[in-house]
Amino acid sequence: MEKVLEGRVAVVTGASGGLGAHFARLLARAGASVALTARRVDMVETLAGEIAAEGHRAMALRLDVADAAAIGPAFDEVETVLGPISILINNAGVGGEGLALDLTPEVWDQTFAVNVRGVFFAAQAAARRMIASGVAAEEAGRIVNIASIASHTVLPGLSAYNASKAAVAMLTRSLAREWSRRGIAVNALCPGYIETDINAGWFQTEGGQKQLKGFPRRRLMEAGDLDAALLMLSGPAARAIAGSIITVDDGQSLPGGG
């Protein structure tokens, strides 16, 4: 793989598995030094070790993005160990499952605490450090918020999640408008359904198969389908991309069903 991110330092939140772990490996193979964060540090220590064993620089640290006060110190630790942060992949998120009539305030608040509040304060902490270190002055600052097709498509039974991802999309545009002149490109990536350990069982059920048949290509995506878009938004190719909400979903959010 071409080392398009050589010399850059990337932070990936929610890197304990799924897309976060995949993104961390991808960025490292593209040349970046990578900090993997998660609420349980043991979940990212193994992955950081695997990345290091491949010859890349990586570190693991505990971070719950819902705890805004913990984000700054964690990013300071990253800069002490790896150097100035130039890339933030705002990936940490929760599902917020539940029908609207059944949702509790606790589920609603937790969904927004992680999916929106955590995204904002992680972006703020990263941007402050990009500006202070001179990364932004070099127009090398990159913030990629992982949203979802839920930001613009109703996913049934996921009112809180849909609302939180729509908020992430508008937040992305707002931050891009404020920080573009500072040399920080803020964009969002909206993936469609990708098979993971969490949803694999569902798509084997009758309801899951019915949902699959409603997709134009009647299949789930693979994590690797996001690689080109993520690398574009994280690297030099994003020089003239700001406030974009990029959907990569295999056509799943197209109207009309399959």
C-alpha atoms as a PDB file:
ATOM      1  CA  MET A   1       0.000   0.000   0.000  1.00  0.00           C
ATOM      2  CA  GLU A   2       1.212   3.498  -0.847  1.00  0.00           C
ATOM      3  CA  LYS A   3       2.331   5.406   2.265  1.00  0.00           C
ATOM      4  CA  VAL A   4       0.136   8.443   1.655  1.00  0.00           C
ATOM      5  CA  LEU A   5      -0.011   9.190   5.400  1.00  0.00           C
ATOM      6  CA  GLU A   6       3.695   8.853   6.123  1.00  0.00           C
ATOM      7  CA  GLY A   7       4.705  11.087   9.050  1.00  0.00           C
ATOM      8  CA  ARG A   8       1.144  11.697  10.209  1.00  0.00           C
ATOM      9  CA  VAL A   9      -0.336  10.844  13.607  1.00  0.00           C
ATOM     10  CA  ALA A  10      -3.893   9.548  13.708  1.00  0.00           C
ATOM     11  CA  VAL A  11      -6.281   8.996  16.599  1.00  0.00           C
ATOM     12  CA  VAL A  12      -9.106   6.497  16.163  1.00  0.00           C
ATOM     13  CA  THR A  13     -11.857   6.516  18.782  1.00  0.00           C
ATOM     14  CA  GLY A  14     -13.887   3.393  19.406  1.00  0.00           C
ATOM     15  CA  ALA A  15     -11.078   1.253  17.988  1.00  0.00           C
ATOM     16  CA  SER A  16     -11.758  -1.896  19.999  1.00  0.00           C
ATOM     17  CA  GLY A  17     -13.409  -3.717  17.099  1.00  0.00           C
ATOM     18  CA  GLY A  18     -15.510  -3.443  13.970  1.00  0.00           C
ATOM     19  CA  LEU A  19     -14.890  -0.391  11.813  1.00  0.00           C
ATOM     20  CA  GLY A  20     -12.640   1.301  14.363  1.00  0.00           C
ATOM     21  CA  ALA A  21     -10.182  -1.583  14.391  1.00  0.00           C
ATOM     22  CA  HIS A  22     -10.322  -1.813  10.607  1.00  0.00           C
ATOM     23  CA  PHE A  23      -9.644   1.914  10.231  1.00  0.00           C
ATOM     24  CA  ALA A  24      -6.689   1.742  12.629  1.00  0.00           C
ATOM     25  CA  ARG A  25      -5.050  -1.028  10.598  1.00  0.00           C
ATOM     26  CA  LEU A  26      -5.730   0.824   7.352  1.00  0.00           C
ATOM     27  CA  LEU A  27      -4.219   4.104   8.542  1.00  0.00           C
ATOM     28  CA  ALA A  28      -1.141   2.331   9.906  1.00  0.00           C
ATOM     29  CA  ARG A  29      -0.566   0.507   6.624  1.00  0.00           C
ATOM     30  CA  ALA A  30      -0.863   3.860   4.846  1.00  0.00           C
ATOM     31  CA  GLY A  31       2.048   5.123   6.946  1.00  0.00           C
ATOM     32  CA  ALA A  32       0.417   6.884   9.911  1.00  0.00           C
ATOM     33  CA  SER A  33       1.354   6.413  13.547  1.00  0.00           C
ATOM     34  CA  VAL A  34      -1.897   5.372  15.177  1.00  0.00           C
ATOM     35  CA  ALA A  35      -3.397   5.854  18.640  1.00  0.00           C
ATOM     36  CA  LEU A  36      -6.224   3.417  19.344  1.00  0.00           C
ATOM     37  CA  THR A  37      -8.721   4.443  22.007  1.00  0.00           C
ATOM     38  CA  ALA A  38     -11.639   2.665  23.628  1.00  0.00           C
ATOM     39  CA  ARG A  39     -13.466   2.523  26.935  1.00  0.00           C
ATOM     40  CA  ARG A  40     -11.650  -0.726  27.739  1.00  0.00           C
ATOM     41  CA  VAL A  41      -7.941  -0.395  27.127  1.00  0.00           C
ATOM     42  CA  ASP A  42      -7.416  -4.165  27.092  1.00  0.00           C
ATOM     43  CA  MET A  43      -9.590  -4.268  23.972  1.00  0.00           C
ATOM     44  CA  VAL A  44      -7.158  -2.082  22.032  1.00  0.00           C
ATOM     45  CA  GLU A  45      -3.858  -3.180  23.525  1.00  0.00           C
ATOM     46  CA  THR A  46      -3.893  -6.440  21.583  1.00  0.00           C
ATOM     47  CA  LEU A  47      -4.648  -4.667  18.309  1.00  0.00           C
ATOM     48  CA  ALA A  48      -1.973  -2.044  18.941  1.00  0.00           C
ATOM     49  CA  GLY A  49       0.479  -4.890  19.503  1.00  0.00           C
ATOM     50  CA  GLU A  50      -0.533  -6.536  16.219  1.00  0.00           C
ATOM     51  CA  ILE A  51      -0.077  -3.271  14.344  1.00  0.00           C
ATOM     52  CA  ALA A  52       3.317  -2.727  15.951  1.00  0.00           C
ATOM     53  CA  ALA A  53       4.314  -6.278  15.014  1.00  0.00           C
ATOM     54  CA  GLU A  54       3.710  -5.328  11.370  1.00  0.00           C
ATOM     55  CA  GLY A  55       6.345  -2.624  11.760  1.00  0.00           C
ATOM     56  CA  HIS A  56       4.080   0.375  12.397  1.00  0.00           C
ATOM     57  CA  ARG A  57       3.922   2.787  15.324  1.00  0.00           C
ATOM     58  CA  ALA A  58       0.865   2.304  17.495  1.00  0.00           C
ATOM     59  CA  MET A  59      -0.309   2.910  21.032  1.00  0.00           C
ATOM     60  CA  ALA A  60      -3.406   2.035  23.029  1.00  0.00           C
ATOM     61  CA  LEU A  61      -5.122   4.102  25.682  1.00  0.00           C
ATOM     62  CA  ARG A  62      -8.380   4.185  27.561  1.00  0.00           C
ATOM     63  CA  LEU A  63     -10.864   6.858  26.546  1.00  0.00           C
ATOM     64  CA  ASP A  64     -14.599   7.182  27.027  1.00  0.00           C
ATOM     65  CA  VAL A  65     -15.583  10.053  24.722  1.00  0.00           C
ATOM     66  CA  ALA A  66     -18.730  10.605  26.780  1.00  0.00           C
ATOM     67  CA  ASP A  67     -16.368  11.951  29.464  1.00  0.00           C
ATOM     68  CA  ALA A  68     -15.427  15.253  27.843  1.00  0.00           C
ATOM     69  CA  ALA A  69     -12.885  16.080  30.554  1.00  0.00           C
ATOM     70  CA  ALA A  70     -10.884  12.953  29.697  1.00  0.00           C
ATOM     71  CA  ILE A  71     -10.431  13.704  26.007  1.00  0.00           C
ATOM     72  CA  GLY A  72      -7.845  16.489  26.254  1.00  0.00           C
ATOM     73  CA  PRO A  73      -5.478  14.594  28.598  1.00  0.00           C
ATOM     74  CA  ALA A  74      -5.734  11.507  26.391  1.00  0.00           C
ATOM     75  CA  PHE A  75      -4.815  13.508  23.291  1.00  0.00           C
ATOM     76  CA  ASP A  76      -1.932  15.123  25.183  1.00  0.00           C
ATOM     77  CA  GLU A  77      -0.627  11.636  25.937  1.00  0.00           C
ATOM     78  CA  VAL A  78      -0.864  10.736  22.259  1.00  0.00           C
ATOM     79  CA  GLU A  79       1.181  13.780  21.296  1.00  0.00           C
ATOM     80  CA  THR A  80       3.792  13.020  23.945  1.00  0.00           C
ATOM     81  CA  VAL A  81       4.279   9.485  22.639  1.00  0.00           C
ATOM     82  CA  LEU A  82       3.652   9.763  18.899  1.00  0.00           C
ATOM     83  CA  GLY A  83       3.870  13.455  18.032  1.00  0.00           C
ATOM     84  CA  PRO A  84       1.404  16.151  16.893  1.00  0.00           C
ATOM     85  CA  ILE A  85      -2.038  14.845  15.971  1.00  0.00           C
ATOM     86  CA  SER A  86      -2.965  15.483  12.352  1.00  0.00           C
ATOM     87  CA  ILE A  87      -5.848  13.026  11.838  1.00  0.00           C
ATOM     88  CA  LEU A  88      -8.873  12.253  14.015  1.00  0.00           C
ATOM     89  CA  ILE A  89     -11.248   9.450  13.074  1.00  0.00           C
ATOM     90  CA  ASN A  90     -14.310  10.137  15.227  1.00  0.00           C
ATOM     91  CA  ASN A  91     -15.618   6.578  15.177  1.00  0.00           C
ATOM     92  CA  ALA A  92     -16.874   5.844  18.709  1.00  0.00           C
ATOM     93  CA  GLY A  93     -20.602   5.327  18.774  1.00  0.00           C
ATOM     94  CA  VAL A  94     -23.485   3.425  20.321  1.00  0.00           C
ATOM     95  CA  GLY A  95     -26.641   2.002  18.763  1.00  0.00           C
ATOM     96  CA  GLY A  96     -29.440   3.665  20.716  1.00  0.00           C
ATOM     97  CA  GLU A  97     -31.811   0.833  19.824  1.00  0.00           C
ATOM     98  CA  GLY A  98     -35.453   0.980  20.763  1.00  0.00           C
ATOM     99  CA  LEU A  99     -38.883   1.900  19.456  1.00  0.00           C
ATOM    100  CA  ALA A 100     -39.807   5.510  20.119  1.00  0.00           C
ATOM    101  CA  LEU A 101     -42.616   4.594  22.528  1.00  0.00           C
ATOM    102  CA  ASP A 102     -40.222   2.498  24.581  1.00  0.00           C
ATOM    103  CA  LEU A 103     -37.120   4.713  24.685  1.00  0.00           C
ATOM    104  CA  THR A 104     -36.003   5.807  28.134  1.00  0.00           C
ATOM    105  CA  PRO A 105     -34.292   9.106  28.894  1.00  0.00           C
ATOM    106  CA  GLU A 106     -31.203   7.105  29.854  1.00  0.00           C
ATOM    107  CA  VAL A 107     -30.912   5.451  26.440  1.00  0.00           C
ATOM    108  CA  TRP A 108     -31.571   8.741  24.641  1.00  0.00           C
ATOM    109  CA  ASP A 109     -29.017  10.639  26.724  1.00  0.00           C
ATOM    110  CA  GLN A 110     -26.349   7.942  26.371  1.00  0.00           C
ATOM    111  CA  THR A 111     -26.816   7.849  22.606  1.00  0.00           C
ATOM    112  CA  PHE A 112     -26.288  11.595  22.311  1.00  0.00           C
ATOM    113  CA  ALA A 113     -23.516  11.644  24.906  1.00  0.00           C
ATOM    114  CA  VAL A 114     -21.388   9.322  22.775  1.00  0.00           C
ATOM    115  CA  ASN A 115     -22.599   9.900  19.218  1.00  0.00           C
ATOM    116  CA  VAL A 116     -22.863  13.703  19.302  1.00  0.00           C
ATOM    117  CA  ARG A 117     -21.327  15.198  22.440  1.00  0.00           C
ATOM    118  CA  GLY A 118     -18.338  12.863  22.219  1.00  0.00           C
ATOM    119  CA  VAL A 119     -17.831  13.642  18.537  1.00  0.00           C
ATOM    120  CA  PHE A 120     -17.919  17.382  19.172  1.00  0.00           C
ATOM    121  CA  PHE A 121     -15.505  17.461  22.092  1.00  0.00           C
ATOM    122  CA  ALA A 122     -13.085  15.050  20.460  1.00  0.00           C
ATOM    123  CA  ALA A 123     -13.096  17.242  17.349  1.00  0.00           C
ATOM    124  CA  GLN A 124     -12.605  20.352  19.478  1.00  0.00           C
ATOM    125  CA  ALA A 125      -9.674  18.824  21.370  1.00  0.00           C
ATOM    126  CA  ALA A 126      -8.043  17.627  18.154  1.00  0.00           C
ATOM    127  CA  ALA A 127      -8.532  20.966  16.387  1.00  0.00           C
ATOM    128  CA  ARG A 128      -7.029  22.914  19.267  1.00  0.00           C
ATOM    129  CA  ARG A 129      -3.929  20.735  19.151  1.00  0.00           C
ATOM    130  CA  MET A 130      -3.665  20.876  15.359  1.00  0.00           C
ATOM    131  CA  ILE A 131      -3.692  24.668  15.551  1.00  0.00           C
ATOM    132  CA  ALA A 132      -1.230  24.837  18.455  1.00  0.00           C
ATOM    133  CA  SER A 133       1.248  22.414  16.857  1.00  0.00           C
ATOM    134  CA  GLY A 134       1.280  24.046  13.420  1.00  0.00           C
ATOM    135  CA  VAL A 135      -0.331  21.047  11.706  1.00  0.00           C
ATOM    136  CA  ALA A 136      -3.307  23.219  10.764  1.00  0.00           C
ATOM    137  CA  ALA A 137      -1.066  25.960   9.373  1.00  0.00           C
ATOM    138  CA  GLU A 138       0.325  23.345   6.988  1.00  0.00           C
ATOM    139  CA  GLU A 139      -3.270  22.579   5.913  1.00  0.00           C
ATOM    140  CA  ALA A 140      -2.708  19.010   7.109  1.00  0.00           C
ATOM    141  CA  GLY A 141      -5.447  18.779   9.755  1.00  0.00           C
ATOM    142  CA  ARG A 142      -8.056  16.120   9.021  1.00  0.00           C
ATOM    143  CA  ILE A 143     -11.152  15.247  11.056  1.00  0.00           C
ATOM    144  CA  VAL A 144     -13.379  12.459   9.759  1.00  0.00           C
ATOM    145  CA  ASN A 145     -16.645  11.942  11.608  1.00  0.00           C
ATOM    146  CA  ILE A 146     -18.153   8.503  11.097  1.00  0.00           C
ATOM    147  CA  ALA A 147     -21.846   9.145  10.622  1.00  0.00           C
ATOM    148  CA  SER A 148     -24.206   6.675   8.921  1.00  0.00           C
ATOM    149  CA  ILE A 149     -26.866   6.430   6.258  1.00  0.00           C
ATOM    150  CA  ALA A 150     -29.080   7.060   9.301  1.00  0.00           C
ATOM    151  CA  SER A 151     -28.061  10.709   8.977  1.00  0.00           C
ATOM    152  CA  HIS A 152     -30.325  11.009   5.938  1.00  0.00           C
ATOM    153  CA  THR A 153     -32.361   7.782   5.831  1.00  0.00           C
ATOM    154  CA  VAL A 154     -34.847   6.495   8.400  1.00  0.00           C
ATOM    155  CA  LEU A 155     -33.691   3.212   9.925  1.00  0.00           C
ATOM    156  CA  PRO A 156     -36.819   1.781  11.595  1.00  0.00           C
ATOM    157  CA  GLY A 157     -36.744   1.359  15.361  1.00  0.00           C
ATOM    158  CA  LEU A 158     -33.706   3.591  15.756  1.00  0.00           C
ATOM    159  CA  SER A 159     -35.123   7.047  16.506  1.00  0.00           C
ATOM    160  CA  ALA A 160     -32.332   8.069  18.862  1.00  0.00           C
ATOM    161  CA  TYR A 161     -29.616   6.732  16.582  1.00  0.00           C
ATOM    162  CA  ASN A 162     -31.107   8.388  13.492  1.00  0.00           C
ATOM    163  CA  ALA A 163     -31.369  11.730  15.276  1.00  0.00           C
ATOM    164  CA  SER A 164     -27.817  11.489  16.610  1.00  0.00           C
ATOM    165  CA  LYS A 165     -26.312  10.726  13.209  1.00  0.00           C
ATOM    166  CA  ALA A 166     -28.271  13.542  11.567  1.00  0.00           C
ATOM    167  CA  ALA A 167     -26.775  15.799  14.222  1.00  0.00           C
ATOM    168  CA  VAL A 168     -23.286  14.519  13.364  1.00  0.00           C
ATOM    169  CA  ALA A 169     -23.822  15.411   9.714  1.00  0.00           C
ATOM    170  CA  MET A 170     -24.811  19.008  10.479  1.00  0.00           C
ATOM    171  CA  LEU A 171     -22.099  19.301  13.120  1.00  0.00           C
ATOM    172  CA  THR A 172     -19.587  18.258  10.472  1.00  0.00           C
ATOM    173  CA  ARG A 173     -20.679  21.054   8.171  1.00  0.00           C
ATOM    174  CA  SER A 174     -20.653  23.593  11.003  1.00  0.00           C
ATOM    175  CA  LEU A 175     -17.127  22.691  12.111  1.00  0.00           C
ATOM    176  CA  ALA A 176     -15.906  22.662   8.529  1.00  0.00           C
ATOM    177  CA  ARG A 177     -17.269  26.172   8.039  1.00  0.00           C
ATOM    178  CA  GLU A 178     -15.447  27.425  11.138  1.00  0.00           C
ATOM    179  CA  TRP A 179     -12.148  25.634  10.690  1.00  0.00           C
ATOM    180  CA  SER A 180     -11.519  25.488   6.941  1.00  0.00           C
ATOM    181  CA  ARG A 181      -9.519  28.717   6.955  1.00  0.00           C
ATOM    182  CA  ARG A 182      -7.482  27.366   9.849  1.00  0.00           C
ATOM    183  CA  GLY A 183      -6.254  24.481   7.683  1.00  0.00           C
ATOM    184  CA  ILE A 184      -8.454  21.721   9.113  1.00  0.00           C
ATOM    185  CA  ALA A 185     -10.644  19.681   6.760  1.00  0.00           C
ATOM    186  CA  VAL A 186     -13.712  18.322   8.538  1.00  0.00           C
ATOM    187  CA  ASN A 187     -15.837  15.782   6.691  1.00  0.00           C
ATOM    188  CA  ALA A 188     -18.157  12.872   7.427  1.00  0.00           C
ATOM    189  CA  LEU A 189     -18.338   9.344   6.097  1.00  0.00           C
ATOM    190  CA  CYS A 190     -21.755   7.656   6.049  1.00  0.00           C
ATOM    191  CA  PRO A 191     -21.476   3.872   5.772  1.00  0.00           C
ATOM    192  CA  GLY A 192     -24.345   1.563   4.974  1.00  0.00           C
ATOM    193  CA  TYR A 193     -24.934  -1.798   6.604  1.00  0.00           C
ATOM    194  CA  ILE A 194     -21.741  -3.813   7.025  1.00  0.00           C
ATOM    195  CA  GLU A 195     -21.755  -7.316   8.456  1.00  0.00           C
ATOM    196  CA  THR A 196     -20.323  -7.345  11.972  1.00  0.00           C
ATOM    197  CA  ASP A 197     -20.516  -9.643  14.970  1.00  0.00           C
ATOM    198  CA  ILE A 198     -23.365  -7.476  16.266  1.00  0.00           C
ATOM    199  CA  ASN A 199     -25.702  -7.777  13.284  1.00  0.00           C
ATOM    200  CA  ALA A 200     -24.681 -11.082  11.671  1.00  0.00           C
ATOM    201  CA  GLY A 201     -27.371 -12.986  13.582  1.00  0.00           C
ATOM    202  CA  TRP A 202     -30.094 -10.546  12.559  1.00  0.00           C
ATOM    203  CA  PHE A 203     -29.393 -10.928   8.859  1.00  0.00           C
ATOM    204  CA  GLN A 204     -29.841 -14.689   9.170  1.00  0.00           C
ATOM    205  CA  THR A 205     -33.401 -14.216  10.411  1.00  0.00           C
ATOM    206  CA  GLU A 206     -36.520 -13.902   8.266  1.00  0.00           C
ATOM    207  CA  GLY A 207     -36.718 -10.176   9.060  1.00  0.00           C
ATOM    208  CA  GLY A 208     -33.059  -9.685   8.213  1.00  0.00           C
ATOM    209  CA  GLN A 209     -33.383 -11.524   4.924  1.00  0.00           C
ATOM    210  CA  LYS A 210     -36.403  -9.371   4.046  1.00  0.00           C
ATOM    211  CA  GLN A 211     -34.344  -6.260   4.747  1.00  0.00           C
ATOM    212  CA  LEU A 212     -31.499  -7.562   2.564  1.00  0.00           C
ATOM    213  CA  LYS A 213     -33.892  -8.144  -0.321  1.00  0.00           C
ATOM    214  CA  GLY A 214     -34.867  -4.490  -0.078  1.00  0.00           C
ATOM    215  CA  PHE A 215     -31.308  -3.397  -0.872  1.00  0.00           C
ATOM    216  CA  PRO A 216     -30.655  -2.791  -4.586  1.00  0.00           C
ATOM    217  CA  ARG A 217     -27.766  -5.270  -4.615  1.00  0.00           C
ATOM    218  CA  ARG A 218     -29.270  -7.557  -1.977  1.00  0.00           C
ATOM    219  CA  ARG A 219     -26.088  -7.852   0.043  1.00  0.00           C
ATOM    220  CA  LEU A 220     -24.170  -6.364   2.941  1.00  0.00           C
ATOM    221  CA  MET A 221     -21.073  -4.271   2.473  1.00  0.00           C
ATOM    222  CA  GLU A 222     -17.588  -5.183   3.641  1.00  0.00           C
ATOM    223  CA  ALA A 223     -15.438  -2.904   5.792  1.00  0.00           C
ATOM    224  CA  GLY A 224     -12.894  -2.660   2.981  1.00  0.00           C
ATOM    225  CA  ASP A 225     -15.477  -0.922   0.809  1.00  0.00           C
ATOM    226  CA  LEU A 226     -14.863   2.192   2.929  1.00  0.00           C
ATOM    227  CA  ASP A 227     -11.078   2.214   2.514  1.00  0.00           C
ATOM    228  CA  ALA A 228     -10.767   4.507  -0.487  1.00  0.00           C
ATOM    229  CA  ALA A 229     -13.106   7.132   0.964  1.00  0.00           C
ATOM    230  CA  LEU A 230     -11.502   7.063   4.407  1.00  0.00           C
ATOM    231  CA  LEU A 231      -7.972   7.424   3.021  1.00  0.00           C
ATOM    232  CA  MET A 232      -9.098  10.249   0.741  1.00  0.00           C
ATOM    233  CA  LEU A 233     -10.630  12.183   3.638  1.00  0.00           C
ATOM    234  CA  SER A 234      -7.656  11.491   5.926  1.00  0.00           C
ATOM    235  CA  GLY A 235      -4.863  12.485   3.593  1.00  0.00           C
ATOM    236  CA  PRO A 236      -3.589  14.986   1.029  1.00  0.00           C
ATOM    237  CA  ALA A 237      -6.513  14.288  -1.308  1.00  0.00           C
ATOM    238  CA  ALA A 238      -8.823  16.143   1.097  1.00  0.00           C
ATOM    239  CA  ARG A 239      -7.043  19.449   0.493  1.00  0.00           C
ATOM    240  CA  ALA A 240     -10.140  20.855  -1.255  1.00  0.00           C
ATOM    241  CA  ILE A 241     -12.811  18.791   0.525  1.00  0.00           C
ATOM    242  CA  ALA A 242     -14.554  20.470   3.446  1.00  0.00           C
ATOM    243  CA  GLY A 243     -17.952  19.851   4.997  1.00  0.00           C
ATOM    244  CA  SER A 244     -18.740  16.958   2.689  1.00  0.00           C
ATOM    245  CA  ILE A 245     -21.075  14.177   3.809  1.00  0.00           C
ATOM    246  CA  ILE A 246     -19.929  11.203   1.775  1.00  0.00           C
ATOM    247  CA  THR A 247     -22.175   8.165   1.568  1.00  0.00           C
ATOM    248  CA  VAL A 248     -20.685   4.755   0.822  1.00  0.00           C
ATOM    249  CA  ASP A 249     -23.553   2.288   1.143  1.00  0.00           C
ATOM    250  CA  ASP A 250     -23.728   0.044  -1.938  1.00  0.00           C
ATOM    251  CA  GLY A 251     -26.926   1.890  -2.846  1.00  0.00           C
ATOM    252  CA  GLN A 252     -28.730   0.784   0.311  1.00  0.00           C
ATOM    253  CA  SER A 253     -30.277   4.184   0.976  1.00  0.00           C
ATOM    254  CA  LEU A 254     -31.659   4.586  -2.529  1.00  0.00           C
ATOM    255  CA  PRO A 255     -35.466   4.772  -2.517  1.00  0.00           C
ATOM    256  CA  GLY A 256     -37.684   2.106  -4.001  1.00  0.00           C
ATOM    257  CA  GLY A 257     -36.322  -1.078  -2.499  1.00  0.00           C
ATOM    258  CA  GLY A 258     -34.965  -4.052  -4.433  1.00  0.00           C
END
